[in-house]
């Protein structure tokens, strides 16, 4: 296998009480995490106080150089 630059995605581990800011997209803006399950996150807008439950959608991204790709199972 050859060494390649690979972008790694992981679900973000939300914690109740976190204050977050989403940079882009239809959910952009400031939010407070008020609920977390295996599949969903519930966010509350600090301005309108509206609450929304969405499927997990945020991911942590990391670039790694010199990583084997494709990986062997």
C-alpha atoms as a PDB file:
ATOM      1  CA  UNK A   1       0.000   0.000   0.000  1.00  0.00           C
ATOM      2  CA  UNK A   2       1.141   3.548  -0.676  1.00  0.00           C
ATOM      3  CA  UNK A   3       1.085   6.481   1.729  1.00  0.00           C
ATOM      4  CA  UNK A   4      -1.516   9.129   0.886  1.00  0.00           C
ATOM      5  CA  UNK A   5      -3.052  12.278   2.371  1.00  0.00           C
ATOM      6  CA  UNK A   6      -6.468  11.302   3.776  1.00  0.00           C
ATOM      7  CA  UNK A   7      -9.323  13.386   5.250  1.00  0.00           C
ATOM      8  CA  UNK A   8     -10.831  11.680   8.324  1.00  0.00           C
ATOM      9  CA  UNK A   9     -14.456  12.253   9.436  1.00  0.00           C
ATOM     10  CA  UNK A  10     -15.782  11.350  12.890  1.00  0.00           C
ATOM     11  CA  UNK A  11     -19.171  12.149  14.445  1.00  0.00           C
ATOM     12  CA  UNK A  12     -18.742  15.028  16.859  1.00  0.00           C
ATOM     13  CA  UNK A  13     -19.390  13.948  20.488  1.00  0.00           C
ATOM     14  CA  UNK A  14     -21.891  16.623  21.570  1.00  0.00           C
ATOM     15  CA  UNK A  15     -22.277  17.264  25.303  1.00  0.00           C
ATOM     16  CA  UNK A  16     -25.382  18.776  26.885  1.00  0.00           C
ATOM     17  CA  UNK A  17     -24.735  22.380  27.850  1.00  0.00           C
ATOM     18  CA  UNK A  18     -22.194  23.084  25.085  1.00  0.00           C
ATOM     19  CA  UNK A  19     -22.404  26.422  23.335  1.00  0.00           C
ATOM     20  CA  UNK A  20     -21.641  25.864  19.649  1.00  0.00           C
ATOM     21  CA  UNK A  21     -21.399  27.926  16.475  1.00  0.00           C
ATOM     22  CA  UNK A  22     -22.132  26.378  13.078  1.00  0.00           C
ATOM     23  CA  UNK A  23     -20.219  28.258  10.382  1.00  0.00           C
ATOM     24  CA  UNK A  24     -22.172  27.359   7.246  1.00  0.00           C
ATOM     25  CA  UNK A  25     -25.340  25.791   5.916  1.00  0.00           C
ATOM     26  CA  UNK A  26     -29.017  26.070   6.809  1.00  0.00           C
ATOM     27  CA  UNK A  27     -28.302  25.546  10.540  1.00  0.00           C
ATOM     28  CA  UNK A  28     -25.600  28.204  10.737  1.00  0.00           C
ATOM     29  CA  UNK A  29     -25.445  30.342  13.838  1.00  0.00           C
ATOM     30  CA  UNK A  30     -25.164  29.974  17.586  1.00  0.00           C
ATOM     31  CA  UNK A  31     -26.795  27.100  19.468  1.00  0.00           C
ATOM     32  CA  UNK A  32     -26.887  25.446  22.862  1.00  0.00           C
ATOM     33  CA  UNK A  33     -26.876  21.646  23.025  1.00  0.00           C
ATOM     34  CA  UNK A  34     -29.844  20.612  25.193  1.00  0.00           C
ATOM     35  CA  UNK A  35     -30.201  16.927  24.285  1.00  0.00           C
ATOM     36  CA  UNK A  36     -28.098  14.124  22.842  1.00  0.00           C
ATOM     37  CA  UNK A  37     -28.924  10.548  21.857  1.00  0.00           C
ATOM     38  CA  UNK A  38     -27.156   7.926  19.755  1.00  0.00           C
ATOM     39  CA  UNK A  39     -28.799   9.285  16.613  1.00  0.00           C
ATOM     40  CA  UNK A  40     -30.000  12.822  17.323  1.00  0.00           C
ATOM     41  CA  UNK A  41     -28.939  16.125  18.840  1.00  0.00           C
ATOM     42  CA  UNK A  42     -31.370  18.729  20.183  1.00  0.00           C
ATOM     43  CA  UNK A  43     -30.291  22.352  19.837  1.00  0.00           C
ATOM     44  CA  UNK A  44     -31.792  25.530  21.253  1.00  0.00           C
ATOM     45  CA  UNK A  45     -31.425  28.960  19.664  1.00  0.00           C
ATOM     46  CA  UNK A  46     -30.224  31.488  22.294  1.00  0.00           C
ATOM     47  CA  UNK A  47     -32.106  34.323  20.554  1.00  0.00           C
ATOM     48  CA  UNK A  48     -35.530  32.869  19.704  1.00  0.00           C
ATOM     49  CA  UNK A  49     -35.358  30.036  22.287  1.00  0.00           C
ATOM     50  CA  UNK A  50     -36.739  27.686  19.626  1.00  0.00           C
ATOM     51  CA  UNK A  51     -35.645  24.062  19.933  1.00  0.00           C
ATOM     52  CA  UNK A  52     -34.865  21.643  17.113  1.00  0.00           C
ATOM     53  CA  UNK A  53     -34.052  17.944  17.151  1.00  0.00           C
ATOM     54  CA  UNK A  54     -31.945  16.797  14.220  1.00  0.00           C
ATOM     55  CA  UNK A  55     -30.151  13.624  13.233  1.00  0.00           C
ATOM     56  CA  UNK A  56     -26.472  13.871  14.133  1.00  0.00           C
ATOM     57  CA  UNK A  57     -24.939  16.038  11.413  1.00  0.00           C
ATOM     58  CA  UNK A  58     -21.681  17.653  12.581  1.00  0.00           C
ATOM     59  CA  UNK A  59     -18.374  15.954  12.034  1.00  0.00           C
ATOM     60  CA  UNK A  60     -14.846  16.595  13.203  1.00  0.00           C
ATOM     61  CA  UNK A  61     -12.464  16.728  10.252  1.00  0.00           C
ATOM     62  CA  UNK A  62      -8.752  16.057  10.279  1.00  0.00           C
ATOM     63  CA  UNK A  63      -6.185  15.799   7.517  1.00  0.00           C
ATOM     64  CA  UNK A  64      -3.481  13.180   7.901  1.00  0.00           C
ATOM     65  CA  UNK A  65      -0.355  12.904   5.771  1.00  0.00           C
ATOM     66  CA  UNK A  66       1.525   9.661   5.226  1.00  0.00           C
ATOM     67  CA  UNK A  67      -1.454   7.461   5.987  1.00  0.00           C
ATOM     68  CA  UNK A  68      -1.986   4.066   4.347  1.00  0.00           C
ATOM     69  CA  UNK A  69      -4.883   4.209   1.888  1.00  0.00           C
ATOM     70  CA  UNK A  70      -6.977   2.273   1.260  1.00  0.00           C
ATOM     71  CA  UNK A  71      -6.863   0.767   4.714  1.00  0.00           C
ATOM     72  CA  UNK A  72      -6.831  -2.982   5.169  1.00  0.00           C
ATOM     73  CA  UNK A  73      -9.815  -4.266   7.152  1.00  0.00           C
END
